[in-house]
PDB file of N, CA and C in Angstrom:
ATOM      1  N   MET A   1       8.102   9.572  36.403  1.00  0.00           N
ATOM      2  CA  MET A   1       6.878  10.275  35.615  1.00  0.00           C
ATOM      3  C   MET A   1       5.596  10.244  36.203  1.00  0.00           C
ATOM      4  N   ALA A   2       5.014  11.570  36.112  1.00  0.00           N
ATOM      5  CA  ALA A   2       3.626  11.702  36.915  1.00  0.00           C
ATOM      6  C   ALA A   2       2.684  11.510  35.458  1.00  0.00           C
ATOM      7  N   THR A   3       1.620  10.756  35.742  1.00  0.00           N
ATOM      8  CA  THR A   3       0.558  10.596  34.660  1.00  0.00           C
ATOM      9  C   THR A   3      -0.479  10.962  35.073  1.00  0.00           C
ATOM     10  N   THR A   4      -1.432  11.566  34.140  1.00  0.00           N
ATOM     11  CA  THR A   4      -2.656  12.085  34.581  1.00  0.00           C
ATOM     12  C   THR A   4      -3.809  10.909  34.480  1.00  0.00           C
ATOM     13  N   THR A   5      -4.695  10.798  35.389  1.00  0.00           N
ATOM     14  CA  THR A   5      -5.723   9.620  34.753  1.00  0.00           C
ATOM     15  C   THR A   5      -7.045  10.668  34.579  1.00  0.00           C
ATOM     16  N   GLU A   6      -8.005  10.504  33.424  1.00  0.00           N
ATOM     17  CA  GLU A   6      -9.253  11.276  33.386  1.00  0.00           C
ATOM     18  C   GLU A   6     -10.173  10.320  34.430  1.00  0.00           C
ATOM     19  N   PRO A   7     -11.065  11.107  34.935  1.00  0.00           N
ATOM     20  CA  PRO A   7     -11.754  10.865  35.902  1.00  0.00           C
ATOM     21  C   PRO A   7     -12.919   9.470  35.307  1.00  0.00           C
ATOM     22  N   THR A   8     -13.327   8.784  36.171  1.00  0.00           N
ATOM     23  CA  THR A   8     -14.227   7.701  36.032  1.00  0.00           C
ATOM     24  C   THR A   8     -15.597   7.913  36.872  1.00  0.00           C
ATOM     25  N   THR A   9     -15.598   8.923  37.608  1.00  0.00           N
ATOM     26  CA  THR A   9     -16.784   9.247  38.432  1.00  0.00           C
ATOM     27  C   THR A   9     -17.578  10.460  37.758  1.00  0.00           C
ATOM     28  N   LEU A  10     -18.658  10.739  37.931  1.00  0.00           N
ATOM     29  CA  LEU A  10     -19.057  11.979  38.011  1.00  0.00           C
ATOM     30  C   LEU A  10     -18.561  12.932  38.670  1.00  0.00           C
ATOM     31  N   GLN A  11     -18.696  12.546  40.130  1.00  0.00           N
ATOM     32  CA  GLN A  11     -17.884  13.443  41.014  1.00  0.00           C
ATOM     33  C   GLN A  11     -16.633  13.934  40.548  1.00  0.00           C
ATOM     34  N   ALA A  12     -15.769  12.978  40.527  1.00  0.00           N
ATOM     35  CA  ALA A  12     -14.325  13.275  40.189  1.00  0.00           C
ATOM     36  C   ALA A  12     -14.312  14.203  38.605  1.00  0.00           C
ATOM     37  N   ALA A  13     -15.076  14.066  37.920  1.00  0.00           N
ATOM     38  CA  ALA A  13     -15.632  14.739  36.641  1.00  0.00           C
ATOM     39  C   ALA A  13     -15.814  16.333  36.807  1.00  0.00           C
ATOM     40  N   HIS A  14     -16.752  16.512  37.641  1.00  0.00           N
ATOM     41  CA  HIS A  14     -16.978  17.630  38.319  1.00  0.00           C
ATOM     42  C   HIS A  14     -15.668  18.178  39.058  1.00  0.00           C
ATOM     43  N   ASN A  15     -15.059  17.773  39.929  1.00  0.00           N
ATOM     44  CA  ASN A  15     -13.616  18.300  40.402  1.00  0.00           C
ATOM     45  C   ASN A  15     -12.710  18.720  39.667  1.00  0.00           C
ATOM     46  N   ALA A  16     -12.744  17.729  38.287  1.00  0.00           N
ATOM     47  CA  ALA A  16     -11.533  18.139  37.296  1.00  0.00           C
ATOM     48  C   ALA A  16     -11.965  19.260  36.573  1.00  0.00           C
ATOM     49  N   ALA A  17     -13.146  19.390  36.309  1.00  0.00           N
ATOM     50  CA  ALA A  17     -13.814  20.614  35.273  1.00  0.00           C
ATOM     51  C   ALA A  17     -13.651  21.830  36.378  1.00  0.00           C
ATOM     52  N   THR A  18     -14.060  21.679  37.461  1.00  0.00           N
ATOM     53  CA  THR A  18     -13.719  23.242  38.506  1.00  0.00           C
ATOM     54  C   THR A  18     -12.132  23.447  38.500  1.00  0.00           C
ATOM     55  N   GLU A  19     -11.134  22.560  38.695  1.00  0.00           N
ATOM     56  CA  GLU A  19      -9.753  22.546  38.774  1.00  0.00           C
ATOM     57  C   GLU A  19      -9.093  23.347  37.387  1.00  0.00           C
ATOM     58  N   ARG A  20      -9.799  22.632  36.115  1.00  0.00           N
ATOM     59  CA  ARG A  20      -9.006  23.303  34.925  1.00  0.00           C
ATOM     60  C   ARG A  20     -10.087  24.580  34.299  1.00  0.00           C
ATOM     61  N   ARG A  21     -10.878  24.933  35.137  1.00  0.00           N
ATOM     62  CA  ARG A  21     -11.820  26.155  34.346  1.00  0.00           C
ATOM     63  C   ARG A  21     -10.816  27.308  34.248  1.00  0.00           C
ATOM     64  N   PRO A  22     -11.027  28.071  33.047  1.00  0.00           N
ATOM     65  CA  PRO A  22      -9.919  28.909  32.955  1.00  0.00           C
ATOM     66  C   PRO A  22     -10.546  29.989  33.844  1.00  0.00           C
ATOM     67  N   PRO A  23      -9.680  31.176  33.728  1.00  0.00           N
ATOM     68  CA  PRO A  23      -9.971  32.582  34.568  1.00  0.00           C
ATOM     69  C   PRO A  23     -11.049  33.221  33.608  1.00  0.00           C
ATOM     70  N   SER A  24     -11.700  33.747  34.680  1.00  0.00           N
ATOM     71  CA  SER A  24     -13.327  34.593  33.834  1.00  0.00           C
ATOM     72  C   SER A  24     -12.699  35.478  32.715  1.00  0.00           C
ATOM     73  N   ASN A  25     -11.300  36.096  32.843  1.00  0.00           N
ATOM     74  CA  ASN A  25     -10.908  36.974  31.784  1.00  0.00           C
ATOM     75  C   ASN A  25     -10.251  36.207  30.690  1.00  0.00           C
ATOM     76  N   ALA A  26     -10.421  34.882  30.650  1.00  0.00           N
ATOM     77  CA  ALA A  26      -9.664  34.200  29.841  1.00  0.00           C
ATOM     78  C   ALA A  26     -10.393  34.714  28.254  1.00  0.00           C
ATOM     79  N   ASN A  27      -9.481  34.434  26.905  1.00  0.00           N
ATOM     80  CA  ASN A  27      -9.869  34.619  25.767  1.00  0.00           C
ATOM     81  C   ASN A  27     -11.355  33.285  25.545  1.00  0.00           C
ATOM     82  N   LEU A  28     -12.130  33.896  24.413  1.00  0.00           N
ATOM     83  CA  LEU A  28     -13.159  33.083  23.902  1.00  0.00           C
ATOM     84  C   LEU A  28     -12.666  31.536  23.417  1.00  0.00           C
ATOM     85  N   THR A  29     -11.551  31.666  22.939  1.00  0.00           N
ATOM     86  CA  THR A  29     -10.726  30.378  22.694  1.00  0.00           C
ATOM     87  C   THR A  29     -10.511  29.413  23.550  1.00  0.00           C
ATOM     88  N   ALA A  30     -10.274  29.765  24.649  1.00  0.00           N
ATOM     89  CA  ALA A  30      -9.959  29.079  25.652  1.00  0.00           C
ATOM     90  C   ALA A  30     -11.041  28.406  26.527  1.00  0.00           C
ATOM     91  N   TRP A  31     -12.141  29.415  26.482  1.00  0.00           N
ATOM     92  CA  TRP A  31     -13.622  28.984  26.888  1.00  0.00           C
ATOM     93  C   TRP A  31     -14.142  27.850  25.971  1.00  0.00           C
ATOM     94  N   VAL A  32     -13.874  28.066  24.732  1.00  0.00           N
ATOM     95  CA  VAL A  32     -14.523  26.960  23.658  1.00  0.00           C
ATOM     96  C   VAL A  32     -13.533  25.506  24.131  1.00  0.00           C
ATOM     97  N   THR A  33     -12.278  25.841  23.925  1.00  0.00           N
ATOM     98  CA  THR A  33     -11.287  24.392  24.388  1.00  0.00           C
ATOM     99  C   THR A  33     -12.038  24.033  25.871  1.00  0.00           C
ATOM    100  N   PHE A  34     -12.122  24.509  26.562  1.00  0.00           N
ATOM    101  CA  PHE A  34     -12.575  24.307  28.036  1.00  0.00           C
ATOM    102  C   PHE A  34     -14.040  23.359  28.046  1.00  0.00           C
ATOM    103  N   HIS A  35     -15.036  23.964  27.171  1.00  0.00           N
ATOM    104  CA  HIS A  35     -16.391  23.336  27.254  1.00  0.00           C
ATOM    105  C   HIS A  35     -16.183  22.266  26.334  1.00  0.00           C
ATOM    106  N   GLN A  36     -15.531  21.951  25.120  1.00  0.00           N
ATOM    107  CA  GLN A  36     -15.262  20.761  24.143  1.00  0.00           C
ATOM    108  C   GLN A  36     -14.561  19.782  25.220  1.00  0.00           C
ATOM    109  N   SER A  37     -13.289  20.209  26.020  1.00  0.00           N
ATOM    110  CA  SER A  37     -12.966  19.111  26.706  1.00  0.00           C
ATOM    111  C   SER A  37     -13.784  18.753  27.860  1.00  0.00           C
ATOM    112  N   ASN A  38     -14.578  19.357  28.237  1.00  0.00           N
ATOM    113  CA  ASN A  38     -15.744  18.923  29.399  1.00  0.00           C
ATOM    114  C   ASN A  38     -16.512  17.667  28.545  1.00  0.00           C
ATOM    115  N   ALA A  39     -16.965  18.166  27.529  1.00  0.00           N
ATOM    116  CA  ALA A  39     -17.769  17.273  26.756  1.00  0.00           C
ATOM    117  C   ALA A  39     -17.459  16.126  26.625  1.00  0.00           C
ATOM    118  N   ARG A  40     -16.127  16.073  26.222  1.00  0.00           N
ATOM    119  CA  ARG A  40     -15.240  14.748  26.161  1.00  0.00           C
ATOM    120  C   ARG A  40     -15.207  14.048  27.410  1.00  0.00           C
ATOM    121  N   MET A  41     -14.975  14.601  28.485  1.00  0.00           N
ATOM    122  CA  MET A  41     -14.618  13.921  29.467  1.00  0.00           C
ATOM    123  C   MET A  41     -15.962  13.383  30.242  1.00  0.00           C
ATOM    124  N   TYR A  42     -16.987  14.264  30.195  1.00  0.00           N
ATOM    125  CA  TYR A  42     -18.346  13.619  30.679  1.00  0.00           C
ATOM    126  C   TYR A  42     -18.883  12.412  29.751  1.00  0.00           C
ATOM    127  N   ARG A  43     -18.818  12.549  28.565  1.00  0.00           N
ATOM    128  CA  ARG A  43     -19.084  11.168  27.590  1.00  0.00           C
ATOM    129  C   ARG A  43     -18.445  10.058  28.129  1.00  0.00           C
ATOM    130  N   ALA A  44     -17.005  10.088  28.565  1.00  0.00           N
ATOM    131  CA  ALA A  44     -16.377   9.083  28.829  1.00  0.00           C
ATOM    132  C   ALA A  44     -16.660   8.555  30.256  1.00  0.00           C
ATOM    133  N   VAL A  45     -17.190   9.510  31.279  1.00  0.00           N
ATOM    134  CA  VAL A  45     -17.576   9.472  32.243  1.00  0.00           C
ATOM    135  C   VAL A  45     -18.994   8.701  32.373  1.00  0.00           C
ATOM    136  N   ALA A  46     -19.776   8.881  31.434  1.00  0.00           N
ATOM    137  CA  ALA A  46     -21.072   8.435  31.196  1.00  0.00           C
ATOM    138  C   ALA A  46     -21.068   7.032  31.004  1.00  0.00           C
ATOM    139  N   ASP A  47     -19.981   6.592  30.148  1.00  0.00           N
ATOM    140  CA  ASP A  47     -19.705   4.960  29.938  1.00  0.00           C
ATOM    141  C   ASP A  47     -19.006   4.425  31.129  1.00  0.00           C
ATOM    142  N   ALA A  48     -18.021   5.071  31.761  1.00  0.00           N
ATOM    143  CA  ALA A  48     -17.527   4.429  32.961  1.00  0.00           C
ATOM    144  C   ALA A  48     -18.546   4.525  34.232  1.00  0.00           C
ATOM    145  N   ASP A  49     -19.119   5.406  34.617  1.00  0.00           N
ATOM    146  CA  ASP A  49     -19.695   5.438  35.863  1.00  0.00           C
ATOM    147  C   ASP A  49     -21.433   5.207  35.583  1.00  0.00           C
ATOM    148  N   ARG A  50     -21.911   4.049  35.255  1.00  0.00           N
ATOM    149  CA  ARG A  50     -23.034   3.910  35.020  1.00  0.00           C
ATOM    150  C   ARG A  50     -24.163   4.135  35.639  1.00  0.00           C
ATOM    151  N   TRP A  51     -23.787   4.406  37.077  1.00  0.00           N
ATOM    152  CA  TRP A  51     -24.949   4.773  38.191  1.00  0.00           C
ATOM    153  C   TRP A  51     -25.305   6.093  37.665  1.00  0.00           C
ATOM    154  N   HIS A  52     -24.564   7.089  36.902  1.00  0.00           N
ATOM    155  CA  HIS A  52     -24.710   8.352  36.796  1.00  0.00           C
ATOM    156  C   HIS A  52     -24.738   8.539  35.159  1.00  0.00           C
ATOM    157  N   HIS A  53     -25.036   7.556  34.539  1.00  0.00           N
ATOM    158  CA  HIS A  53     -24.788   7.719  33.133  1.00  0.00           C
ATOM    159  C   HIS A  53     -25.760   9.141  32.483  1.00  0.00           C
ATOM    160  N   HIS A  54     -27.019   8.782  32.727  1.00  0.00           N
ATOM    161  CA  HIS A  54     -27.759  10.027  32.389  1.00  0.00           C
ATOM    162  C   HIS A  54     -27.564  11.255  32.975  1.00  0.00           C
ATOM    163  N   GLU A  55     -27.355  11.503  34.292  1.00  0.00           N
ATOM    164  CA  GLU A  55     -26.923  12.949  34.557  1.00  0.00           C
ATOM    165  C   GLU A  55     -25.287  13.280  33.953  1.00  0.00           C
ATOM    166  N   ALA A  56     -24.298  12.262  33.714  1.00  0.00           N
ATOM    167  CA  ALA A  56     -23.600  12.717  32.846  1.00  0.00           C
ATOM    168  C   ALA A  56     -23.578  13.123  31.582  1.00  0.00           C
ATOM    169  N   MET A  57     -24.570  12.525  30.815  1.00  0.00           N
ATOM    170  CA  MET A  57     -25.190  12.764  29.473  1.00  0.00           C
ATOM    171  C   MET A  57     -25.670  14.029  29.488  1.00  0.00           C
ATOM    172  N   TYR A  58     -26.347  14.713  30.425  1.00  0.00           N
ATOM    173  CA  TYR A  58     -26.825  15.931  30.704  1.00  0.00           C
ATOM    174  C   TYR A  58     -25.731  16.846  30.520  1.00  0.00           C
ATOM    175  N   TRP A  59     -24.837  16.465  31.373  1.00  0.00           N
ATOM    176  CA  TRP A  59     -23.552  17.666  31.143  1.00  0.00           C
ATOM    177  C   TRP A  59     -22.792  17.588  29.673  1.00  0.00           C
ATOM    178  N   VAL A  60     -23.053  16.402  29.129  1.00  0.00           N
ATOM    179  CA  VAL A  60     -22.233  16.276  27.693  1.00  0.00           C
ATOM    180  C   VAL A  60     -22.947  17.495  27.044  1.00  0.00           C
ATOM    181  N   GLY A  61     -24.421  17.474  26.831  1.00  0.00           N
ATOM    182  CA  GLY A  61     -25.295  18.353  26.132  1.00  0.00           C
ATOM    183  C   GLY A  61     -25.115  19.861  26.707  1.00  0.00           C
ATOM    184  N   TYR A  62     -24.877  19.828  28.095  1.00  0.00           N
ATOM    185  CA  TYR A  62     -24.429  21.246  28.544  1.00  0.00           C
ATOM    186  C   TYR A  62     -23.099  21.777  28.030  1.00  0.00           C
ATOM    187  N   GLU A  63     -22.334  21.391  28.147  1.00  0.00           N
ATOM    188  CA  GLU A  63     -21.100  21.640  27.572  1.00  0.00           C
ATOM    189  C   GLU A  63     -20.905  21.712  26.296  1.00  0.00           C
ATOM    190  N   GLU A  64     -21.552  20.977  25.315  1.00  0.00           N
ATOM    191  CA  GLU A  64     -21.524  21.076  23.981  1.00  0.00           C
ATOM    192  C   GLU A  64     -22.531  22.352  23.550  1.00  0.00           C
ATOM    193  N   ARG A  65     -23.176  22.564  24.413  1.00  0.00           N
ATOM    194  CA  ARG A  65     -24.261  24.034  24.043  1.00  0.00           C
ATOM    195  C   ARG A  65     -23.377  25.236  24.404  1.00  0.00           C
ATOM    196  N   LYS A  66     -22.841  25.246  25.298  1.00  0.00           N
ATOM    197  CA  LYS A  66     -22.109  26.205  25.888  1.00  0.00           C
ATOM    198  C   LYS A  66     -20.642  26.456  24.951  1.00  0.00           C
ATOM    199  N   ALA A  67     -20.203  25.326  24.455  1.00  0.00           N
ATOM    200  CA  ALA A  67     -19.067  25.652  23.179  1.00  0.00           C
ATOM    201  C   ALA A  67     -19.629  26.093  22.103  1.00  0.00           C
ATOM    202  N   GLY A  68     -20.612  25.925  21.798  1.00  0.00           N
ATOM    203  CA  GLY A  68     -21.545  26.292  20.551  1.00  0.00           C
ATOM    204  C   GLY A  68     -22.018  27.949  21.031  1.00  0.00           C
ATOM    205  N   GLU A  69     -22.200  28.237  21.707  1.00  0.00           N
ATOM    206  CA  GLU A  69     -22.572  29.797  22.279  1.00  0.00           C
ATOM    207  C   GLU A  69     -21.345  30.449  22.208  1.00  0.00           C
ATOM    208  N   VAL A  70     -20.013  30.132  22.651  1.00  0.00           N
ATOM    209  CA  VAL A  70     -18.826  30.743  22.956  1.00  0.00           C
ATOM    210  C   VAL A  70     -18.435  30.594  21.719  1.00  0.00           C
ATOM    211  N   SER A  71     -18.579  29.948  20.552  1.00  0.00           N
ATOM    212  CA  SER A  71     -18.197  29.557  19.242  1.00  0.00           C
ATOM    213  C   SER A  71     -18.878  30.517  18.281  1.00  0.00           C
ATOM    214  N   ALA A  72     -20.094  30.659  18.498  1.00  0.00           N
ATOM    215  CA  ALA A  72     -20.989  31.631  17.952  1.00  0.00           C
ATOM    216  C   ALA A  72     -21.047  33.339  18.256  1.00  0.00           C
ATOM    217  N   ARG A  73     -20.358  33.498  19.480  1.00  0.00           N
ATOM    218  CA  ARG A  73     -19.946  34.871  20.020  1.00  0.00           C
ATOM    219  C   ARG A  73     -18.526  35.269  19.328  1.00  0.00           C
ATOM    220  N   ILE A  74     -17.715  34.056  18.972  1.00  0.00           N
ATOM    221  CA  ILE A  74     -16.526  34.275  18.445  1.00  0.00           C
ATOM    222  C   ILE A  74     -16.756  34.732  16.871  1.00  0.00           C
ATOM    223  N   GLN A  75     -17.634  33.912  16.007  1.00  0.00           N
ATOM    224  CA  GLN A  75     -17.917  34.217  14.677  1.00  0.00           C
ATOM    225  C   GLN A  75     -18.839  35.724  14.665  1.00  0.00           C
ATOM    226  N   ALA A  76     -19.515  36.193  15.772  1.00  0.00           N
ATOM    227  CA  ALA A  76     -20.391  37.171  15.347  1.00  0.00           C
ATOM    228  C   ALA A  76     -19.129  38.390  15.444  1.00  0.00           C
ATOM    229  N   GLU A  77     -18.308  38.359  16.537  1.00  0.00           N
ATOM    230  CA  GLU A  77     -17.017  39.365  17.040  1.00  0.00           C
ATOM    231  C   GLU A  77     -16.226  39.627  15.704  1.00  0.00           C
ATOM    232  N   LYS A  78     -16.271  38.286  14.851  1.00  0.00           N
ATOM    233  CA  LYS A  78     -15.457  38.552  13.753  1.00  0.00           C
ATOM    234  C   LYS A  78     -15.880  39.711  12.716  1.00  0.00           C
ATOM    235  N   PRO A  79     -14.627  40.568  12.211  1.00  0.00           N
ATOM    236  CA  PRO A  79     -14.697  41.484  11.399  1.00  0.00           C
ATOM    237  C   PRO A  79     -15.395  40.832   9.948  1.00  0.00           C
ATOM    238  N   ARG A  80     -16.412  41.839   9.492  1.00  0.00           N
ATOM    239  CA  ARG A  80     -17.166  41.062   8.223  1.00  0.00           C
ATOM    240  C   ARG A  80     -16.327  41.745   7.063  1.00  0.00           C
ATOM    241  N   ALA A  81     -15.723  40.952   6.135  1.00  0.00           N
ATOM    242  CA  ALA A  81     -15.343  41.136   4.881  1.00  0.00           C
ATOM    243  C   ALA A  81     -16.226  41.591   3.747  1.00  0.00           C
ATOM    244  N   GLU A  82     -16.068  42.699   3.489  1.00  0.00           N
ATOM    245  CA  GLU A  82     -16.803  43.682   2.618  1.00  0.00           C
ATOM    246  C   GLU A  82     -16.674  43.014   1.027  1.00  0.00           C
TER     247      GLU A  82
END
């Protein structure tokens, strides 16, 4: 039985994010999910990899901002109810 373990270092987190990055033509929902997942991962890494805590927290903020930007695009593209 294969188990996946979450990264515990900042470098491993960067590698995991690169590996699971959606294709550039993925729908916006996939991108929101990707950024939200990354934010959770970097938050966990910030607690585990104390030498890179502040840098990991930067990436938490970055991924949360990107998720918010993509969510805003989704909302802007929704048809308006009259």
